[in-house]
Amino acid sequence: MSAESYVQEINSITIELKRINGRAKMLREQKKTAQKRLYNYMISNKIDKYEDITIQSITPKEKKLKKPKAQQKEEVIVLLSQAGARNPEQLYQHFISIQKGNNDKLPNEYDPYLGF
């Protein structure tokens, strides 16, 4: 096979995946709508289980709101300072670098396990 045929195959697979993902999204939305309707029906008729679906399994779940990154950072730094870290800002930056996969040592031989 030539490079051109590989590129065409990759492009056709990408297009097909986008089509499948779009269809799956539409089906998930239809499922959610049907579950809401069944939930309301089961509540109004005081039914706990219908065939293999229980009311607990289709109870609508509350979405949890995510805090803004600035607020998260502020709260973590306050927590670190309350825990006794000498330089909570530097410790926070090291924590973030670890999460991103950058495990370089900080200046002054900072040991994250000892906190100093």
Protein backbone atom coordinates (compact mmCIF):
# COMPACT_ATOMS: atom_id res chain seq x y z
CA MET A 1 0.00 0.00 0.00
CA SER A 2 1.12 3.52 -0.66
CA ALA A 3 1.09 6.44 1.73
CA GLU A 4 -1.85 7.93 -0.17
CA SER A 5 -3.98 4.84 0.44
CA TYR A 6 -3.12 4.92 4.16
CA VAL A 7 -4.19 8.56 4.35
CA GLN A 8 -7.45 7.76 2.55
CA GLU A 9 -8.11 4.88 4.96
CA ILE A 10 -7.42 7.09 7.99
CA ASN A 11 -9.70 9.80 6.64
CA SER A 12 -12.54 7.37 5.89
CA ILE A 13 -12.23 5.83 9.38
CA THR A 14 -12.27 9.30 10.95
CA ILE A 15 -15.42 10.23 9.01
CA GLU A 16 -17.12 6.96 10.00
CA LEU A 17 -16.22 7.43 13.68
CA LYS A 18 -17.70 10.93 13.62
CA ARG A 19 -20.89 9.55 12.09
CA ILE A 20 -21.12 6.77 14.67
CA ASN A 21 -20.45 9.19 17.56
CA GLY A 22 -23.16 11.54 16.30
CA ARG A 23 -25.66 8.69 16.11
CA ALA A 24 -24.65 7.43 19.59
CA LYS A 25 -25.16 10.92 21.03
CA MET A 26 -28.64 11.11 19.54
CA LEU A 27 -29.49 7.64 20.92
CA ARG A 28 -28.24 8.58 24.41
CA GLU A 29 -30.47 11.66 24.37
CA GLN A 30 -33.47 9.55 23.29
CA LYS A 31 -32.72 7.04 26.05
CA LYS A 32 -32.54 9.83 28.63
CA THR A 33 -35.89 11.23 27.46
CA ALA A 34 -37.51 7.79 27.61
CA GLN A 35 -36.10 7.24 31.10
CA LYS A 36 -37.53 10.57 32.29
CA ARG A 37 -40.96 9.65 30.92
CA LEU A 38 -40.84 6.18 32.49
CA TYR A 39 -39.68 7.69 35.79
CA ASN A 40 -42.62 10.12 35.82
CA TYR A 41 -45.01 7.28 34.92
CA MET A 42 -43.64 5.06 37.69
CA ILE A 43 -43.86 7.87 40.25
CA SER A 44 -47.43 8.77 39.30
CA ASN A 45 -48.57 5.13 39.41
CA LYS A 46 -46.46 4.23 42.48
CA ILE A 47 -44.54 1.47 40.71
CA ASP A 48 -41.11 0.47 42.06
CA LYS A 49 -40.13 -1.96 39.32
CA TYR A 50 -41.28 -2.55 35.76
CA GLU A 51 -39.83 -5.63 34.06
CA ASP A 52 -36.10 -5.34 34.79
CA ILE A 53 -36.00 -1.56 35.35
CA THR A 54 -36.19 -0.23 38.89
CA ILE A 55 -37.09 3.33 39.79
CA GLN A 56 -33.69 3.76 41.47
CA SER A 57 -31.88 2.91 38.22
CA ILE A 58 -33.66 5.64 36.24
CA THR A 59 -33.92 8.34 38.90
CA PRO A 60 -32.59 11.57 37.34
CA LYS A 61 -29.24 12.48 38.81
CA GLU A 62 -28.31 15.99 39.80
CA LYS A 63 -25.38 17.45 37.86
CA LYS A 64 -22.52 18.56 40.06
CA LEU A 65 -21.11 21.93 39.17
CA LYS A 66 -17.35 22.19 38.83
CA LYS A 67 -15.54 25.01 40.61
CA PRO A 68 -13.55 27.43 38.48
CA LYS A 69 -9.81 26.68 38.35
CA ALA A 70 -8.94 29.93 40.11
CA GLN A 71 -11.20 29.03 43.04
CA GLN A 72 -9.80 25.49 43.15
CA LYS A 73 -6.25 26.83 43.26
CA GLU A 74 -7.10 29.32 46.00
CA GLU A 75 -8.75 26.66 48.18
CA VAL A 76 -5.85 24.23 47.74
CA ILE A 77 -3.31 26.89 48.69
CA VAL A 78 -5.35 27.77 51.81
CA LEU A 79 -5.53 24.07 52.71
CA LEU A 80 -1.79 23.63 52.26
CA SER A 81 -1.01 26.67 54.38
CA GLN A 82 -3.37 25.41 57.11
CA ALA A 83 -1.57 22.05 56.98
CA GLY A 84 1.68 23.84 57.74
CA ALA A 85 3.44 23.95 54.38
CA ARG A 86 6.13 26.64 54.39
CA ASN A 87 5.56 27.61 50.76
CA PRO A 88 2.06 26.49 49.73
CA GLU A 89 2.21 28.24 46.32
CA GLN A 90 5.37 26.34 45.37
CA LEU A 91 3.94 23.08 46.69
CA TYR A 92 0.78 23.65 44.62
CA GLN A 93 2.85 24.30 41.47
CA HIS A 94 4.78 21.08 42.12
CA PHE A 95 1.54 19.17 42.58
CA ILE A 96 0.21 20.49 39.26
CA SER A 97 3.46 19.58 37.49
CA ILE A 98 3.22 16.03 38.87
CA GLN A 99 -0.33 15.71 37.56
CA LYS A 100 0.85 16.81 34.13
CA GLY A 101 3.65 14.24 34.18
CA ASN A 102 6.56 16.62 34.80
CA ASN A 103 8.40 15.07 37.75
CA ASP A 104 11.40 17.41 37.77
CA LYS A 105 12.74 18.45 41.17
CA LEU A 106 11.95 21.97 42.23
CA PRO A 107 14.77 24.41 43.05
CA ASN A 108 16.42 24.15 46.48
CA GLU A 109 15.90 20.37 46.54
CA TYR A 110 12.24 20.68 47.54
CA ASP A 111 10.97 17.35 48.82
CA PRO A 112 7.20 17.06 48.26
CA TYR A 113 6.93 14.23 50.78
CA LEU A 114 8.45 16.21 53.60
CA GLY A 115 6.87 19.50 52.58
CA PHE A 116 10.16 21.42 52.76
